[in-house]
Amino acid sequence: MLIGLTGRNAAGKGEVARYLQTKSFYYYSLSDVIRDEIRSRRLQPTRDLLIAVGNELRQKYGAKILAERVLARIEDDKHYVIDSIRNPAEVEAFRAAKHFKLIRIEAPQEVRFRRILARRRESDPKTLEEFIELEKREAEGDETSQNLVKVELMADHALMNDGPLERVYPQIDELLLRLLKEIQRPSWDQYFMNIAKVVASRSNCMKRKVAAIIVKDKRVISTGYNGTPRGTRNCNEGGCPRCNSLASSGTNLEECLCSHGEENAIVQASYHGVSLKDAVIYTTFAPCLQCAKMIINSGISEVIYNMDYPLNQTAFQLFSEAGIFVRKLKVDQS
């Protein structure tokens, strides 16, 4: 899961982030993305420059750019805490991509100003008037600049950090337990289809990456992805004349030298002497007629697919006649 942090200057976002790191969360800050950009220009980051360059990047590449650069580094098997979220589009990007919750860290203005004075950073405001003016500049803006007011309103939860850190830690623990328990494990169908999608990434086909996995007793017993036959030149190295001519869908099929993902998964099982009787095949693309015949004759009893194949009406009729159960994975599961 991703936990995003937002809040005003010196509210304690950094302390909350450090505490979550002790709970096995990995840390990213959108400000660090801006710092990287500033250093690439051989400049020293200051708070004013961070604001200016952050707004510049959003205006040039879109309001979600900082979030997109962090999301490119995120791995699905880890928990992350993301600091310095200051634009509504950044929140929307994280929500769309992952299981994400935004937490607002709060503290009264006078408490935050005392913290500013205590930490003695050279670039921090020195008077209450300077501090208030800085807050006004950060609080509201247009679609591509900082807008903390709107971001704070998007928060799923709030934590009050107006005293010693020891008082906020139990709040974090209580909230963290609730959030982690909300995370839903993928269904078996979703789990196996996700594996099939990863297998598809190994395909060498120039036209379309497709894969299938065969499952029995909730255990993967064979995998296959589309591409040219074993020992021949890969499709992406010029091995298949049809794919390399970028033929239109459904044309020149007699020239295609690539084996389909379902075909390769079945052949691999045969190669290693693995029985497919009563197994389930998960495929990222609905089977063609040739693969349908192989599926039926292999003893597979169920076909679950992710995307429709436009030329498979006859294949589906054959599945029905043979008593093979076929279904498309629902969109909200895929």
Protein backbone atom coordinates (compact mmCIF):
# COMPACT_ATOMS: atom_id res chain seq x y z
CA MET A 1 0.00 0.00 0.00
CA LEU A 2 0.96 3.67 -0.35
CA ILE A 3 0.48 6.17 2.45
CA GLY A 4 0.70 9.79 1.33
CA LEU A 5 1.46 12.61 3.74
CA THR A 6 0.34 16.20 3.44
CA GLY A 7 0.28 19.13 5.80
CA ARG A 8 1.68 22.56 6.45
CA ASN A 9 5.29 23.52 7.09
CA ALA A 10 6.65 21.96 10.33
CA ALA A 11 3.46 20.00 10.99
CA GLY A 12 5.62 16.90 11.46
CA LYS A 13 5.30 15.05 8.16
CA GLY A 14 8.98 14.11 8.23
CA GLU A 15 8.70 12.65 11.73
CA VAL A 16 5.65 10.61 10.75
CA ALA A 17 7.49 9.37 7.65
CA ARG A 18 10.51 8.36 9.72
CA TYR A 19 8.28 6.48 12.15
CA LEU A 20 6.57 4.60 9.31
CA GLN A 21 10.01 3.62 8.00
CA THR A 22 10.57 1.80 11.31
CA LYS A 23 7.42 -0.19 10.44
CA SER A 24 8.95 -1.50 7.16
CA PHE A 25 7.67 1.28 4.90
CA TYR A 26 9.94 2.51 2.12
CA TYR A 27 10.22 6.27 1.76
CA TYR A 28 9.85 8.63 -1.21
CA SER A 29 9.38 12.38 -1.25
CA LEU A 30 8.04 14.41 -4.15
CA SER A 31 10.38 17.15 -2.99
CA ASP A 32 13.31 14.83 -3.67
CA VAL A 33 12.17 14.60 -7.31
CA ILE A 34 12.40 18.38 -7.49
CA ARG A 35 15.77 18.38 -5.71
CA ASP A 36 17.11 15.96 -8.31
CA GLU A 37 15.98 18.34 -11.04
CA ILE A 38 17.57 21.34 -9.30
CA ARG A 39 20.87 19.54 -8.80
CA SER A 40 20.87 18.47 -12.46
CA ARG A 41 20.95 22.22 -13.20
CA ARG A 42 23.94 22.60 -10.83
CA LEU A 43 21.96 24.73 -8.40
CA GLN A 44 21.48 24.44 -4.66
CA PRO A 45 17.90 23.68 -3.54
CA THR A 46 16.24 26.28 -1.33
CA ARG A 47 12.60 26.30 -0.25
CA ASP A 48 11.73 29.09 -2.73
CA LEU A 49 13.56 27.26 -5.54
CA LEU A 50 11.81 23.99 -4.66
CA ILE A 51 8.44 25.71 -5.03
CA ALA A 52 9.43 27.44 -8.28
CA VAL A 53 10.94 24.38 -9.97
CA GLY A 54 8.11 22.13 -8.77
CA ASN A 55 5.57 24.48 -10.35
CA GLU A 56 7.71 24.70 -13.49
CA LEU A 57 7.79 20.89 -13.87
CA ARG A 58 4.03 20.64 -13.39
CA GLN A 59 3.41 23.35 -15.98
CA LYS A 60 5.79 21.77 -18.50
CA TYR A 61 4.95 18.06 -18.10
CA GLY A 62 1.52 18.09 -16.44
CA ALA A 63 0.33 18.40 -12.85
CA LYS A 64 0.92 14.68 -12.15
CA ILE A 65 4.60 14.61 -13.20
CA LEU A 66 6.13 14.37 -9.70
CA ALA A 67 3.78 11.55 -8.72
CA GLU A 68 4.42 9.76 -12.02
CA ARG A 69 8.19 9.86 -11.47
CA VAL A 70 7.77 8.32 -8.01
CA LEU A 71 5.26 5.71 -9.23
CA ALA A 72 7.81 4.55 -11.80
CA ARG A 73 9.99 3.42 -8.87
CA ILE A 74 7.24 1.69 -6.87
CA GLU A 75 7.20 -2.12 -6.56
CA ASP A 76 3.99 -4.02 -5.84
CA ASP A 77 5.39 -6.16 -3.03
CA LYS A 78 6.35 -3.25 -0.74
CA HIS A 79 4.63 -0.63 1.43
CA TYR A 80 5.60 3.01 0.84
CA VAL A 81 5.18 6.34 2.57
CA ILE A 82 5.14 9.32 0.18
CA ASP A 83 5.93 12.77 1.55
CA SER A 84 5.43 16.32 0.21
CA ILE A 85 2.20 15.84 -1.76
CA ARG A 86 1.09 19.37 -2.63
CA ASN A 87 -1.12 19.23 -5.73
CA PRO A 88 -4.55 17.54 -6.16
CA ALA A 89 -3.47 15.87 -9.42
CA GLU A 90 -0.69 14.10 -7.50
CA VAL A 91 -3.27 12.62 -5.12
CA GLU A 92 -5.40 11.49 -8.06
CA ALA A 93 -2.40 9.84 -9.74
CA PHE A 94 -1.57 7.82 -6.64
CA ARG A 95 -5.21 6.84 -6.07
CA ALA A 96 -5.56 5.60 -9.65
CA ALA A 97 -2.37 3.54 -9.57
CA LYS A 98 -2.29 1.82 -6.18
CA HIS A 99 -4.05 1.15 -2.88
CA PHE A 100 -3.48 4.66 -1.53
CA LYS A 101 -4.51 6.62 1.56
CA LEU A 102 -3.72 10.28 2.16
CA ILE A 103 -3.04 11.38 5.74
CA ARG A 104 -3.11 15.03 6.77
CA ILE A 105 -0.70 15.96 9.58
CA GLU A 106 -2.02 18.87 11.63
CA ALA A 107 -0.55 21.25 14.19
CA PRO A 108 -1.51 24.80 15.25
CA GLN A 109 0.31 27.63 13.50
CA GLU A 110 2.05 28.88 16.66
CA VAL A 111 3.33 25.36 17.44
CA ARG A 112 4.68 24.98 13.92
CA PHE A 113 6.42 28.36 14.05
CA ARG A 114 8.14 27.42 17.31
CA ARG A 115 9.38 24.25 15.60
CA ILE A 116 10.66 26.33 12.67
CA LEU A 117 12.68 28.50 15.05
CA ALA A 118 13.97 25.45 16.96
CA ARG A 119 15.32 23.62 13.91
CA ARG A 120 17.31 26.70 12.79
CA ARG A 121 17.47 26.05 9.07
CA GLU A 122 19.11 28.87 7.18
CA SER A 123 16.36 29.11 4.56
CA ASP A 124 13.48 29.09 7.09
CA PRO A 125 11.55 32.29 7.89
CA LYS A 126 12.83 34.13 10.95
CA THR A 127 9.71 36.04 11.97
CA LEU A 128 6.07 35.07 12.38
CA GLU A 129 5.15 37.52 9.61
CA GLU A 130 7.55 35.81 7.17
CA PHE A 131 6.22 32.42 8.21
CA ILE A 132 2.60 33.46 7.60
CA GLU A 133 3.49 34.98 4.22
CA LEU A 134 5.22 31.75 3.16
CA GLU A 135 2.17 29.75 4.19
CA LYS A 136 -0.08 31.96 2.07
CA ARG A 137 2.08 31.37 -1.02
CA GLU A 138 1.95 27.60 -0.54
CA ALA A 139 -1.71 27.35 0.47
CA GLU A 140 -3.48 28.03 -2.82
CA GLY A 141 -2.60 28.04 -6.50
CA ASP A 142 -3.75 27.07 -9.97
CA GLU A 143 -4.01 23.55 -11.42
CA THR A 144 -0.25 23.17 -11.98
CA SER A 145 1.12 24.76 -8.80
CA GLN A 146 1.10 23.97 -5.10
CA ASN A 147 -2.37 23.95 -3.60
CA LEU A 148 -2.22 22.64 -0.06
CA VAL A 149 -5.77 23.74 0.75
CA LYS A 150 -7.28 21.44 -1.89
CA VAL A 151 -4.90 18.59 -1.09
CA GLU A 152 -5.74 18.75 2.62
CA LEU A 153 -9.44 18.50 1.78
CA MET A 154 -8.73 15.26 -0.12
CA ALA A 155 -7.19 13.56 2.94
CA ASP A 156 -8.67 10.24 4.05
CA HIS A 157 -7.47 10.64 7.64
CA ALA A 158 -5.96 13.32 9.89
CA LEU A 159 -3.43 13.09 12.71
CA MET A 160 -2.99 15.87 15.29
CA ASN A 161 0.68 16.46 16.13
CA ASP A 162 0.55 19.38 18.55
CA GLY A 163 2.77 17.97 21.29
CA PRO A 164 5.62 15.53 21.94
CA LEU A 165 6.11 12.86 19.30
CA GLU A 166 5.36 10.15 21.86
CA ARG A 167 1.73 11.30 21.75
CA VAL A 168 1.37 10.90 17.98
CA TYR A 169 3.01 7.46 17.69
CA PRO A 170 0.03 5.55 19.21
CA GLN A 171 -2.28 7.40 16.78
CA ILE A 172 -0.14 6.25 13.87
CA ASP A 173 -0.12 2.65 15.11
CA GLU A 174 -3.89 2.56 15.52
CA LEU A 175 -4.49 4.06 12.07
CA LEU A 176 -1.87 1.87 10.40
CA LEU A 177 -3.43 -1.33 11.71
CA ARG A 178 -6.82 -0.25 10.33
CA LEU A 179 -5.41 0.65 6.93
CA LEU A 180 -3.41 -2.56 6.53
CA LYS A 181 -6.46 -4.67 7.40
CA GLU A 182 -8.42 -2.91 4.63
CA ILE A 183 -6.10 -4.19 1.92
CA GLN A 184 -7.79 -6.96 -0.03
CA ARG A 185 -5.79 -9.86 -1.39
CA PRO A 186 -6.39 -10.58 -5.08
CA SER A 187 -8.86 -13.34 -5.88
CA TRP A 188 -7.42 -16.59 -7.25
CA ASP A 189 -8.54 -15.57 -10.74
CA GLN A 190 -6.93 -12.17 -10.45
CA TYR A 191 -3.77 -13.70 -8.97
CA PHE A 192 -3.31 -16.21 -11.80
CA MET A 193 -4.21 -13.73 -14.53
CA ASN A 194 -1.64 -11.30 -13.12
CA ILE A 195 0.95 -14.08 -13.36
CA ALA A 196 -0.08 -14.67 -16.99
CA LYS A 197 0.42 -10.97 -17.73
CA VAL A 198 3.95 -11.14 -16.33
CA VAL A 199 4.65 -14.22 -18.45
CA ALA A 200 3.45 -12.25 -21.50
CA SER A 201 6.25 -9.75 -20.95
CA ARG A 202 8.71 -12.48 -22.06
CA SER A 203 7.04 -12.76 -25.48
CA ASN A 204 9.24 -11.98 -28.48
CA CYS A 205 6.28 -11.39 -30.82
CA MET A 206 6.34 -8.07 -32.68
CA LYS A 207 2.56 -7.82 -33.04
CA ARG A 208 1.07 -8.66 -29.65
CA LYS A 209 2.37 -10.10 -26.38
CA VAL A 210 0.12 -12.95 -25.22
CA ALA A 211 0.62 -15.62 -22.58
CA ALA A 212 -1.20 -18.47 -20.88
CA ILE A 213 -0.64 -20.37 -17.67
CA ILE A 214 -2.14 -23.73 -16.76
CA VAL A 215 -3.25 -24.30 -13.18
CA LYS A 216 -4.22 -27.41 -11.27
CA ASP A 217 -5.18 -27.52 -7.59
CA LYS A 218 -4.29 -23.80 -7.39
CA ARG A 219 -0.75 -24.54 -8.55
CA VAL A 220 0.85 -23.34 -11.79
CA ILE A 221 1.96 -26.42 -13.73
CA SER A 222 2.86 -24.87 -17.09
CA THR A 223 3.37 -21.48 -18.73
CA GLY A 224 3.71 -20.29 -22.31
CA TYR A 225 4.00 -17.08 -24.27
CA ASN A 226 3.69 -16.44 -27.99
CA GLY A 227 6.73 -16.38 -30.24
CA THR A 228 8.67 -18.33 -32.84
CA PRO A 229 9.45 -22.04 -32.21
CA ARG A 230 12.32 -23.24 -30.06
CA GLY A 231 15.69 -23.00 -31.79
CA THR A 232 14.54 -20.58 -34.51
CA ARG A 233 15.11 -16.86 -34.86
CA ASN A 234 12.99 -14.75 -32.51
CA CYS A 235 10.09 -12.80 -33.98
CA ASN A 236 11.58 -9.51 -32.78
CA GLU A 237 14.82 -10.42 -34.58
CA GLY A 238 13.03 -10.85 -37.90
CA GLY A 239 12.01 -14.48 -37.43
CA CYS A 240 8.34 -14.10 -38.42
CA PRO A 241 7.63 -12.46 -41.81
CA ARG A 242 3.99 -11.70 -41.00
CA CYS A 243 4.66 -9.93 -37.71
CA ASN A 244 7.64 -8.04 -39.12
CA SER A 245 5.55 -6.77 -42.05
CA LEU A 246 3.06 -5.41 -39.50
CA ALA A 247 0.19 -7.17 -41.26
CA SER A 248 -3.33 -6.00 -40.45
CA SER A 249 -5.22 -8.06 -37.89
CA GLY A 250 -6.76 -11.22 -39.37
CA THR A 251 -4.71 -11.08 -42.60
CA ASN A 252 -1.85 -13.26 -43.92
CA LEU A 253 -2.26 -15.69 -41.03
CA GLU A 254 -0.71 -18.45 -43.15
CA GLU A 255 2.60 -16.55 -43.02
CA CYS A 256 2.75 -16.36 -39.22
CA LEU A 257 5.50 -18.51 -37.69
CA CYS A 258 4.70 -17.60 -34.06
CA SER A 259 3.17 -20.20 -31.77
CA HIS A 260 0.40 -18.92 -29.51
CA GLY A 261 0.69 -18.68 -25.74
CA GLU A 262 -1.89 -21.41 -25.08
CA GLU A 263 -0.19 -23.69 -27.60
CA ASN A 264 3.20 -23.21 -25.96
CA ALA A 265 1.81 -23.77 -22.46
CA ILE A 266 0.23 -27.08 -23.57
CA VAL A 267 3.34 -28.18 -25.48
CA GLN A 268 5.58 -27.34 -22.53
CA ALA A 269 3.47 -29.54 -20.28
CA SER A 270 3.72 -32.37 -22.81
CA TYR A 271 7.48 -31.85 -23.16
CA HIS A 272 7.90 -32.35 -19.41
CA GLY A 273 5.32 -35.13 -19.07
CA VAL A 274 2.77 -33.14 -17.07
CA SER A 275 -0.88 -34.22 -17.28
CA LEU A 276 -3.40 -31.45 -17.97
CA LYS A 277 -6.53 -33.46 -17.21
CA ASP A 278 -9.12 -31.26 -15.44
CA ALA A 279 -6.72 -28.29 -15.33
CA VAL A 280 -7.65 -24.61 -15.83
CA ILE A 281 -5.96 -22.40 -18.39
CA TYR A 282 -5.66 -18.64 -17.84
CA THR A 283 -4.89 -16.71 -21.01
CA THR A 284 -4.44 -13.00 -21.58
CA PHE A 285 -6.27 -13.32 -24.93
CA ALA A 286 -9.25 -15.52 -25.82
CA PRO A 287 -8.06 -18.69 -27.63
CA CYS A 288 -8.14 -18.98 -31.41
CA LEU A 289 -9.68 -22.05 -33.11
CA GLN A 290 -6.36 -23.92 -33.32
CA CYS A 291 -5.62 -23.37 -29.63
CA ALA A 292 -9.21 -24.27 -28.74
CA LYS A 293 -8.77 -27.68 -30.37
CA MET A 294 -5.53 -28.25 -28.44
CA ILE A 295 -7.17 -27.19 -25.17
CA ILE A 296 -10.03 -29.63 -25.69
CA ASN A 297 -7.78 -32.56 -26.60
CA SER A 298 -5.35 -31.87 -23.73
CA GLY A 299 -8.05 -32.52 -21.10
CA ILE A 300 -8.26 -28.93 -19.79
CA SER A 301 -11.72 -28.35 -18.32
CA GLU A 302 -11.93 -24.56 -17.98
CA VAL A 303 -10.73 -21.52 -19.91
CA ILE A 304 -10.48 -18.08 -18.30
CA TYR A 305 -9.41 -15.22 -20.54
CA ASN A 306 -8.74 -11.51 -20.17
CA MET A 307 -9.39 -9.96 -23.60
CA ASP A 308 -11.60 -10.94 -26.52
CA TYR A 309 -10.18 -12.29 -29.79
CA PRO A 310 -12.23 -11.05 -32.77
CA LEU A 311 -12.02 -14.29 -34.78
CA ASN A 312 -12.98 -16.89 -32.18
CA GLN A 313 -16.75 -17.45 -32.61
CA THR A 314 -16.14 -20.94 -34.00
CA ALA A 315 -13.73 -21.67 -31.14
CA PHE A 316 -16.39 -20.77 -28.57
CA GLN A 317 -18.95 -22.97 -30.33
CA LEU A 318 -16.48 -25.84 -30.20
CA PHE A 319 -15.83 -25.26 -26.49
CA SER A 320 -19.57 -25.38 -25.84
CA GLU A 321 -19.98 -28.63 -27.76
CA ALA A 322 -17.03 -30.20 -25.93
CA GLY A 323 -18.36 -29.17 -22.51
CA ILE A 324 -15.46 -26.80 -21.72
CA PHE A 325 -16.41 -24.03 -19.33
CA VAL A 326 -15.27 -20.64 -20.71
CA ARG A 327 -15.52 -17.24 -19.07
CA LYS A 328 -14.03 -13.79 -19.37
CA LEU A 329 -12.44 -12.31 -16.28
CA LYS A 330 -14.54 -9.43 -15.06
CA VAL A 331 -13.12 -5.97 -15.75
CA ASP A 332 -12.95 -5.05 -12.07
CA GLN A 333 -10.82 -8.15 -11.37
CA SER A 334 -8.32 -7.88 -14.22
